[in-house]
C-alpha cells in the first residue's frame, strides 16, 4: 500500500498542470477601431496605436502610421534611406520607443560615368529605360523610433545572404532577434550600444523559432517547434512545441518539449512574463493552447480552446489575454456560437480562470496583440475582406 501511495504521489508531481475549472462568462463585443489595408505589424506606444507597412516606390520603404484610441491620425513616418528596406518584427521598450528589425540592401557605391558612343536610330524608335537592378536584402537592420515618430538610431550588420526576422525583444541589456538564415533558425544578440555579437544557429531547418524573450542578464528564451533532437531532448510527437533557454553567447542551455501523442504542436507567441500561446493539432482537431510558465519553464496553468490555430497572448495589468480565431461554441462562454472563424479574446486570472470574453463577427484570425495602460488591449486582425483591422478592449 505504501508503495502504491508513493507511486500515486509521484505521478501527480510529474503530471502537467491541469486545466483550471472554468466559470461561465457572457461574451462582450470587441471594439473595431480602423481598417488599415497593407498593415503588417502593430505596436502600442502610450496612447498611440502604430501600424507598420511596407511600400514600394523607387525603393522599398517602411511606413509607420500612428492613430489614437478612436482611429484619429496622429503622425506618419516614412523610413527611406535610399536603399530597399523591409521591417519584419517590432517591439516597444520601457520608454515607449518603437523598435523594428528587418533587412536592407547595401548602399550603392558612387561611380563616374564615361562617355559612350550613341548608336544611329534612323527609324526614331523609342527605347524603354532599363530598370536598375536591386541589391539583395542581406543587411540586418534595427531601427529605433521615438513615441512621436522620430528616427533615433539605426544599427546594421551585413550578412552573406538575405534572411527573415520572426521576432525581436528588447530590455536595458540590449536586444535579441530570431529569424531564418539559409533555411536555419538563428539568434542575433545586440548590446544596448548597438554592437552585434556573433550570430548563433539554433538547430537545423527542422526547427522553427517564432518568438524570443530577452532576459535581464542578456540570455534569451526562444519558443517555437521542432522535429529534431534539440538540446539532447528527442522528438515525442509528430512535431513538438519547444521552449529553449540560451546563454548570452547564444549557446543552448536547456530545452523543454511540449508534446502530444501523434500531434503537431508549436508555440506562436510569448511575452516577458512567459505567457505563451500556440496550436495543438491531433488528427482533425485543432486547438489553441494558452499556458503560463515559470522562469524554469514549468507550467503553472493551461487552457485550450477549439480554434483555427492562430493566436496571440499578452499580459496586461496582471491579467492574461489571448486572442484567437474561434470556429465553434465554447461551453464556458455564453452567447458565443460562431458559424465561421471569428475573433475571440479571453481574459484569465492568475490561476488560469477565465474572467471575461470578447468577440467579433466581423473579424477573424489575430495578427498582433499589444497592451498599454493608457489604451488597454489593442490588436490587429483580419476582416471579411482579409484587410488588417485594428481592434481594442478598453482598459478597466
Protein backbone atom coordinates (compact mmCIF):
# COMPACT_ATOMS: atom_id res chain seq x y z
CA UNK A 1 0.00 0.00 0.00
CA UNK A 2 2.80 2.38 0.87
CA UNK A 3 4.43 1.68 -2.49
CA UNK A 4 1.16 2.35 -4.35
CA UNK A 5 0.63 5.59 -2.41
CA UNK A 6 4.17 6.72 -3.22
CA UNK A 7 3.66 6.00 -6.92
CA UNK A 8 0.44 8.00 -6.91
CA UNK A 9 2.16 10.98 -5.31
CA UNK A 10 4.99 10.81 -7.83
CA UNK A 11 2.59 10.60 -10.79
CA UNK A 12 0.74 13.71 -9.61
CA UNK A 13 4.01 15.60 -9.12
CA UNK A 14 5.23 14.73 -12.62
CA UNK A 15 1.94 15.33 -14.42
CA UNK A 16 1.48 18.55 -16.40
CA UNK A 17 -0.62 21.28 -14.81
CA UNK A 18 -4.34 20.60 -15.13
CA UNK A 19 -6.75 22.94 -16.84
CA UNK A 20 -8.50 25.16 -14.31
CA UNK A 21 -12.21 24.67 -13.64
CA UNK A 22 -13.92 27.41 -15.63
CA UNK A 23 -16.89 29.60 -14.71
CA UNK A 24 -19.41 30.74 -17.31
CA UNK A 25 -18.90 34.25 -18.72
CA UNK A 26 -21.01 36.22 -21.18
CA UNK A 27 -19.29 37.33 -24.37
CA UNK A 28 -18.93 41.08 -24.96
CA UNK A 29 -18.26 42.84 -28.24
CA UNK A 30 -14.78 43.77 -29.37
CA UNK A 31 -14.44 47.43 -30.40
CA UNK A 32 -13.34 47.85 -34.04
CA UNK A 33 -11.20 50.96 -34.44
CA UNK A 34 -9.98 51.23 -38.03
CA UNK A 35 -9.31 49.18 -41.16
CA UNK A 36 -5.68 49.57 -42.25
CA UNK A 37 -5.11 47.86 -45.63
CA UNK A 38 -1.48 46.91 -46.11
CA UNK A 39 -0.58 46.93 -42.40
CA UNK A 40 1.73 44.06 -41.48
CA UNK A 41 2.53 44.74 -37.81
CA UNK A 42 1.22 46.69 -34.84
CA UNK A 43 2.79 48.33 -31.79
CA UNK A 44 1.30 50.38 -28.95
CA UNK A 45 3.29 53.31 -27.53
CA UNK A 46 1.44 55.04 -24.70
CA UNK A 47 -1.75 56.45 -26.21
CA UNK A 48 -0.64 55.80 -29.81
CA UNK A 49 -1.56 52.77 -31.91
CA UNK A 50 1.13 52.32 -34.55
CA UNK A 51 0.82 50.15 -37.65
CA UNK A 52 3.81 49.26 -39.81
CA UNK A 53 3.62 48.62 -43.56
CA UNK A 54 5.98 48.16 -46.49
CA UNK A 55 5.51 50.36 -49.56
CA UNK A 56 7.19 50.05 -52.95
CA UNK A 57 8.27 53.18 -54.81
CA UNK A 58 11.73 53.74 -56.31
CA UNK A 59 12.90 51.65 -53.38
CA UNK A 60 11.08 49.55 -50.80
CA UNK A 61 10.36 51.74 -47.78
CA UNK A 62 8.81 51.38 -44.31
CA UNK A 63 5.79 53.44 -43.26
CA UNK A 64 4.72 53.86 -39.63
CA UNK A 65 1.25 55.34 -39.08
CA UNK A 66 0.05 56.37 -35.61
CA UNK A 67 -3.59 56.85 -34.56
CA UNK A 68 -5.25 57.41 -31.20
CA UNK A 69 -7.72 55.07 -29.50
CA UNK A 70 -10.59 56.20 -31.74
CA UNK A 71 -8.64 55.96 -35.01
CA UNK A 72 -7.78 59.66 -35.47
CA UNK A 73 -4.43 60.12 -37.23
CA UNK A 74 -1.58 61.42 -35.05
CA UNK A 75 1.54 61.17 -37.21
CA UNK A 76 3.19 59.24 -40.02
CA UNK A 77 6.85 58.40 -40.56
CA UNK A 78 8.46 57.06 -43.75
CA UNK A 79 11.82 55.33 -43.35
CA UNK A 80 13.63 55.74 -46.68
CA UNK A 81 17.42 55.64 -46.62
CA UNK A 82 17.73 55.41 -50.40
CA UNK A 83 18.01 51.61 -50.46
CA UNK A 84 15.46 48.82 -50.16
CA UNK A 85 14.47 48.14 -46.55
CA UNK A 86 11.80 45.90 -45.03
CA UNK A 87 10.72 45.72 -41.38
CA UNK A 88 9.70 42.22 -40.25
CA UNK A 89 9.29 42.38 -36.47
CA UNK A 90 8.55 45.05 -33.86
CA UNK A 91 8.51 45.64 -30.12
CA UNK A 92 8.28 48.55 -27.68
CA UNK A 93 10.72 49.27 -24.84
CA UNK A 94 10.10 50.63 -21.34
CA UNK A 95 10.44 54.22 -22.57
CA UNK A 96 7.70 53.68 -25.21
CA UNK A 97 10.22 53.73 -28.08
CA UNK A 98 9.31 51.51 -31.02
CA UNK A 99 11.94 49.08 -32.31
CA UNK A 100 11.86 47.49 -35.76
CA UNK A 101 14.02 44.65 -37.05
CA UNK A 102 14.36 43.65 -40.69
CA UNK A 103 16.71 43.58 -43.64
CA UNK A 104 18.04 46.23 -46.01
CA UNK A 105 20.12 46.21 -49.15
CA UNK A 106 23.60 47.71 -49.30
CA UNK A 107 24.08 51.35 -50.18
CA UNK A 108 25.11 51.84 -53.80
CA UNK A 109 28.72 52.74 -54.48
CA UNK A 110 29.42 56.07 -56.12
CA UNK A 111 30.85 55.77 -59.64
CA UNK A 112 31.83 58.04 -62.53
CA UNK A 113 30.12 57.59 -65.88
CA UNK A 114 32.29 57.55 -69.01
CA UNK A 115 31.28 58.89 -72.41
CA UNK A 116 29.53 56.32 -74.59
CA UNK A 117 29.00 56.08 -78.34
CA UNK A 118 25.42 56.85 -79.42
CA UNK A 119 24.11 54.30 -81.91
CA UNK A 120 22.31 55.51 -85.03
CA UNK A 121 18.49 55.31 -84.87
CA UNK A 122 17.10 56.15 -88.34
CA UNK A 123 13.61 54.83 -87.51
CA UNK A 124 13.35 57.02 -84.37
CA UNK A 125 12.43 54.03 -82.18
CA UNK A 126 11.95 54.98 -78.54
CA UNK A 127 13.73 52.55 -76.23
CA UNK A 128 12.45 51.89 -72.73
CA UNK A 129 14.91 52.75 -69.97
CA UNK A 130 16.41 49.67 -68.36
CA UNK A 131 15.25 49.12 -64.81
CA UNK A 132 18.00 49.36 -62.23
CA UNK A 133 18.74 46.07 -60.52
CA UNK A 134 18.02 45.99 -56.79
CA UNK A 135 20.50 44.62 -54.31
CA UNK A 136 19.95 41.67 -52.01
CA UNK A 137 18.32 42.33 -48.66
CA UNK A 138 21.30 40.97 -46.72
CA UNK A 139 21.94 43.75 -44.19
CA UNK A 140 20.31 43.01 -40.84
CA UNK A 141 18.92 46.37 -39.74
CA UNK A 142 17.39 47.63 -36.49
CA UNK A 143 15.56 50.95 -36.26
CA UNK A 144 14.69 52.81 -33.04
CA UNK A 145 11.77 55.27 -33.31
CA UNK A 146 10.60 57.69 -30.61
CA UNK A 147 6.96 57.76 -29.37
CA UNK A 148 6.33 60.72 -31.70
CA UNK A 149 7.85 59.17 -34.83
CA UNK A 150 11.45 60.44 -34.78
CA UNK A 151 14.12 58.05 -36.05
CA UNK A 152 16.55 57.91 -33.10
CA UNK A 153 19.04 55.26 -34.21
CA UNK A 154 19.80 52.70 -36.91
CA UNK A 155 22.03 49.67 -36.32
CA UNK A 156 23.23 47.41 -39.15
CA UNK A 157 25.23 44.25 -39.70
CA UNK A 158 25.94 42.78 -43.12
CA UNK A 159 25.17 39.10 -43.67
CA UNK A 160 26.32 36.89 -46.54
CA UNK A 161 22.75 36.08 -47.60
CA UNK A 162 19.25 37.55 -47.25
CA UNK A 163 17.24 36.41 -44.23
CA UNK A 164 13.91 36.68 -42.43
CA UNK A 165 13.15 38.06 -38.96
CA UNK A 166 10.44 36.44 -36.81
CA UNK A 167 10.71 38.33 -33.52
CA UNK A 168 12.61 40.99 -31.58
CA UNK A 169 12.84 41.56 -27.83
CA UNK A 170 14.46 44.50 -26.03
CA UNK A 171 15.38 45.42 -22.45
CA UNK A 172 18.02 47.51 -20.70
CA UNK A 173 20.76 44.98 -21.51
CA UNK A 174 20.16 45.08 -25.27
CA UNK A 175 18.23 43.26 -27.97
CA UNK A 176 17.62 39.67 -29.04
CA UNK A 177 16.44 38.86 -32.56
CA UNK A 178 15.41 35.50 -34.02
CA UNK A 179 14.82 34.62 -37.64
CA UNK A 180 15.79 32.35 -40.51
CA UNK A 181 19.06 32.37 -42.45
CA UNK A 182 19.99 29.73 -45.05
CA UNK A 183 16.82 27.84 -44.00
CA UNK A 184 18.11 27.56 -40.42
CA UNK A 185 16.84 29.44 -37.34
CA UNK A 186 19.29 31.93 -35.87
CA UNK A 187 19.67 34.15 -32.81
CA UNK A 188 21.33 37.57 -33.02
CA UNK A 189 22.15 39.48 -29.83
CA UNK A 190 22.87 43.22 -29.88
CA UNK A 191 24.17 45.31 -26.99
CA UNK A 192 22.41 48.44 -25.76
CA UNK A 193 25.08 50.43 -27.64
CA UNK A 194 24.24 48.71 -30.92
CA UNK A 195 27.15 46.23 -31.03
CA UNK A 196 26.32 42.95 -32.78
CA UNK A 197 27.52 39.68 -31.26
CA UNK A 198 28.35 36.53 -33.21
CA UNK A 199 25.18 35.18 -34.83
CA UNK A 200 24.20 31.75 -33.45
CA UNK A 201 22.31 28.93 -35.20
CA UNK A 202 19.57 27.12 -33.25
CA UNK A 203 19.15 23.61 -34.65
CA UNK A 204 18.56 22.99 -38.34
CA UNK A 205 15.76 23.56 -40.84
CA UNK A 206 13.73 21.05 -38.78
CA UNK A 207 13.37 23.67 -36.02
CA UNK A 208 11.31 26.88 -36.18
CA UNK A 209 11.72 29.72 -33.68
CA UNK A 210 8.68 32.00 -33.76
CA UNK A 211 9.34 34.36 -30.86
CA UNK A 212 12.03 35.45 -28.40
CA UNK A 213 12.08 36.97 -24.91
CA UNK A 214 15.33 38.64 -23.83
CA UNK A 215 16.19 38.08 -20.16
CA UNK A 216 17.65 40.73 -17.84
CA UNK A 217 21.08 39.01 -17.77
CA UNK A 218 21.42 39.06 -21.57
CA UNK A 219 20.40 35.43 -22.08
CA UNK A 220 17.34 34.61 -24.20
CA UNK A 221 14.27 32.36 -24.11
CA UNK A 222 13.14 31.10 -27.52
CA UNK A 223 9.80 29.50 -28.42
CA UNK A 224 8.62 27.59 -31.47
CA UNK A 225 8.59 23.99 -32.69
CA UNK A 226 10.94 21.22 -33.76
CA UNK A 227 11.02 17.74 -35.28
CA UNK A 228 14.66 17.07 -34.41
CA UNK A 229 16.60 16.25 -31.25
CA UNK A 230 17.38 19.60 -29.66
CA UNK A 231 19.47 20.16 -26.55
CA UNK A 232 19.51 16.38 -26.04
CA UNK A 233 15.69 16.18 -25.97
CA UNK A 234 14.19 13.85 -28.58
CA UNK A 235 11.02 14.24 -30.63
CA UNK A 236 7.92 12.83 -28.89
CA UNK A 237 5.06 13.73 -31.28
CA UNK A 238 4.86 14.46 -34.99
CA UNK A 239 6.12 17.97 -34.18
CA UNK A 240 6.78 19.25 -30.66
CA UNK A 241 6.49 22.74 -29.29
CA UNK A 242 9.86 23.79 -27.83
CA UNK A 243 10.97 26.20 -25.12
CA UNK A 244 14.70 26.91 -25.41
CA UNK A 245 16.92 28.78 -22.96
CA UNK A 246 20.17 30.15 -24.42
CA UNK A 247 23.22 31.72 -22.81
CA UNK A 248 24.49 35.24 -23.53
CA UNK A 249 26.60 33.77 -26.35
CA UNK A 250 23.60 32.05 -27.92
CA UNK A 251 24.52 28.51 -26.89
CA UNK A 252 21.59 26.25 -25.98
CA UNK A 253 21.43 25.86 -22.19
CA UNK A 254 18.18 23.89 -21.80
CA UNK A 255 15.20 22.63 -23.81
CA UNK A 256 11.65 21.72 -22.75
CA UNK A 257 9.36 20.00 -25.27
CA UNK A 258 5.55 20.32 -25.33
CA UNK A 259 4.27 17.16 -26.99
CA UNK A 260 1.02 15.46 -28.00
CA UNK A 261 0.83 11.79 -28.99
CA UNK A 262 0.65 11.73 -32.79
CA UNK A 263 0.22 15.51 -32.57
CA UNK A 264 1.64 18.66 -34.13
CA UNK A 265 2.40 21.46 -31.64
CA UNK A 266 4.02 24.87 -31.87
CA UNK A 267 4.34 27.96 -29.67
CA UNK A 268 3.44 31.08 -31.66
CA UNK A 269 3.69 33.93 -29.13
CA UNK A 270 5.25 34.70 -25.76
CA UNK A 271 5.63 37.75 -23.51
CA UNK A 272 8.13 38.69 -20.82
CA UNK A 273 6.00 37.07 -18.08
CA UNK A 274 6.21 33.77 -20.04
CA UNK A 275 2.58 33.68 -21.04
CA UNK A 276 2.57 31.54 -24.20
CA UNK A 277 0.02 30.68 -26.87
CA UNK A 278 0.25 28.14 -29.64
CA UNK A 279 -1.59 25.45 -31.55
CA UNK A 280 -2.18 21.75 -30.89
CA UNK A 281 -3.24 19.63 -33.88
CA UNK A 282 -4.21 16.00 -33.36
CA UNK A 283 -5.98 14.33 -36.27
CA UNK A 284 -8.70 16.69 -37.49
CA UNK A 285 -8.87 18.60 -34.20
CA UNK A 286 -7.10 21.95 -33.83
CA UNK A 287 -6.90 23.83 -30.53
CA UNK A 288 -5.22 26.92 -29.16
CA UNK A 289 -3.22 26.25 -26.00
CA UNK A 290 -2.60 29.13 -23.57
CA UNK A 291 -0.08 28.32 -20.84
CA UNK A 292 1.64 30.31 -18.09
CA UNK A 293 5.18 29.13 -17.35
CA UNK A 294 7.66 29.82 -14.57
CA UNK A 295 11.19 31.09 -15.34
CA UNK A 296 12.35 27.45 -15.37
CA UNK A 297 9.69 26.53 -17.97
CA UNK A 298 7.42 24.72 -15.53
CA UNK A 299 3.72 25.21 -16.46
CA UNK A 300 1.57 26.72 -13.70
CA UNK A 301 -1.73 26.54 -15.59
CA UNK A 302 -3.03 25.85 -19.07
CA UNK A 303 -6.28 26.17 -21.00
CA UNK A 304 -7.31 25.07 -24.50
CA UNK A 305 -9.95 26.24 -26.96
CA UNK A 306 -11.06 24.82 -30.30
CA UNK A 307 -9.71 27.25 -32.90
CA UNK A 308 -8.22 27.84 -36.33
CA UNK A 309 -4.78 27.53 -34.72
CA UNK A 310 -3.85 31.21 -34.98
CA UNK A 311 -3.37 33.02 -31.66
CA UNK A 312 -1.52 35.73 -29.75
CA UNK A 313 -1.22 36.21 -25.97
CA UNK A 314 -0.04 39.05 -23.72
CA UNK A 315 -0.17 40.11 -20.07
CA UNK A 316 -1.67 43.47 -19.12
CA UNK A 317 -2.05 44.84 -15.57
CA UNK A 318 -1.70 41.33 -14.13
CA UNK A 319 -4.36 39.83 -16.41
CA UNK A 320 -3.58 37.28 -19.13
CA UNK A 321 -5.19 37.93 -22.51
CA UNK A 322 -5.29 35.64 -25.51
CA UNK A 323 -6.71 36.35 -28.96
CA UNK A 324 -7.56 33.52 -31.37
CA UNK A 325 -9.64 32.55 -34.37
CA UNK A 326 -12.57 30.66 -32.83
CA UNK A 327 -14.79 28.49 -35.02
CA UNK A 328 -17.19 26.74 -32.63
CA UNK A 329 -19.26 27.29 -29.50
CA UNK A 330 -17.46 27.17 -26.13
CA UNK A 331 -19.39 25.79 -23.16
CA UNK A 332 -17.98 28.32 -20.67
CA UNK A 333 -18.79 31.36 -22.87
CA UNK A 334 -22.49 32.16 -23.17
CA UNK A 335 -23.68 33.87 -26.35
CA UNK A 336 -20.73 32.57 -28.39
CA UNK A 337 -21.80 30.36 -31.32
CA UNK A 338 -19.74 31.28 -34.38
CA UNK A 339 -20.70 29.71 -37.71
CA UNK A 340 -17.29 30.56 -39.18
CA UNK A 341 -13.88 31.60 -37.86
CA UNK A 342 -14.32 34.71 -35.70
CA UNK A 343 -12.06 36.71 -33.42
CA UNK A 344 -12.28 35.75 -29.74
CA UNK A 345 -10.31 37.42 -26.94
CA UNK A 346 -10.35 35.89 -23.45
CA UNK A 347 -9.08 37.33 -20.16
CA UNK A 348 -7.74 34.98 -17.47
CA UNK A 349 -6.72 35.48 -13.86
CA UNK A 350 -3.54 34.33 -12.09
CA UNK A 351 -4.90 30.76 -11.84
CA UNK A 352 -5.96 30.48 -15.46
CA UNK A 353 -9.66 31.01 -14.76
CA UNK A 354 -11.47 32.95 -17.47
CA UNK A 355 -12.90 36.22 -16.15
CA UNK A 356 -14.26 37.75 -19.37
CA UNK A 357 -14.54 37.14 -23.11
CA UNK A 358 -14.82 39.46 -26.11
CA UNK A 359 -15.80 38.53 -29.64
CA UNK A 360 -16.35 39.96 -33.11
CA UNK A 361 -18.35 38.53 -36.01
CA UNK A 362 -16.63 40.98 -38.38
CA UNK A 363 -13.05 39.89 -37.59
CA UNK A 364 -11.26 36.54 -37.75
CA UNK A 365 -7.65 35.47 -37.17
CA UNK A 366 -5.48 37.74 -34.99
CA UNK A 367 -2.23 39.10 -36.43
CA UNK A 368 -0.89 41.00 -33.41
CA UNK A 369 -1.72 41.81 -29.79
CA UNK A 370 -0.35 44.65 -27.64
CA UNK A 371 -1.05 46.43 -24.35
CA UNK A 372 -0.59 49.83 -22.76
CA UNK A 373 -2.07 51.18 -19.54
CA UNK A 374 -3.49 54.14 -21.48
CA UNK A 375 -5.32 52.06 -24.10
CA UNK A 376 -5.71 48.58 -22.66
CA UNK A 377 -5.59 45.68 -25.12
CA UNK A 378 -5.10 46.58 -28.78
CA UNK A 379 -4.75 44.15 -31.65
CA UNK A 380 -4.70 43.61 -35.38
CA UNK A 381 -6.98 41.03 -37.04
CA UNK A 382 -8.33 40.22 -40.47
CA UNK A 383 -11.78 41.43 -41.52
CA UNK A 384 -14.17 39.85 -44.04
CA UNK A 385 -12.19 41.36 -46.94
CA UNK A 386 -8.95 39.99 -45.44
CA UNK A 387 -7.81 43.55 -44.69
CA UNK A 388 -5.97 44.10 -41.40
CA UNK A 389 -8.16 45.93 -38.87
CA UNK A 390 -7.30 47.48 -35.52
CA UNK A 391 -9.45 46.30 -32.61
CA UNK A 392 -9.46 47.33 -28.97
CA UNK A 393 -10.60 46.27 -25.50
CA UNK A 394 -10.56 49.39 -23.32
CA UNK A 395 -8.53 49.49 -20.10
CA UNK A 396 -10.55 48.98 -16.94
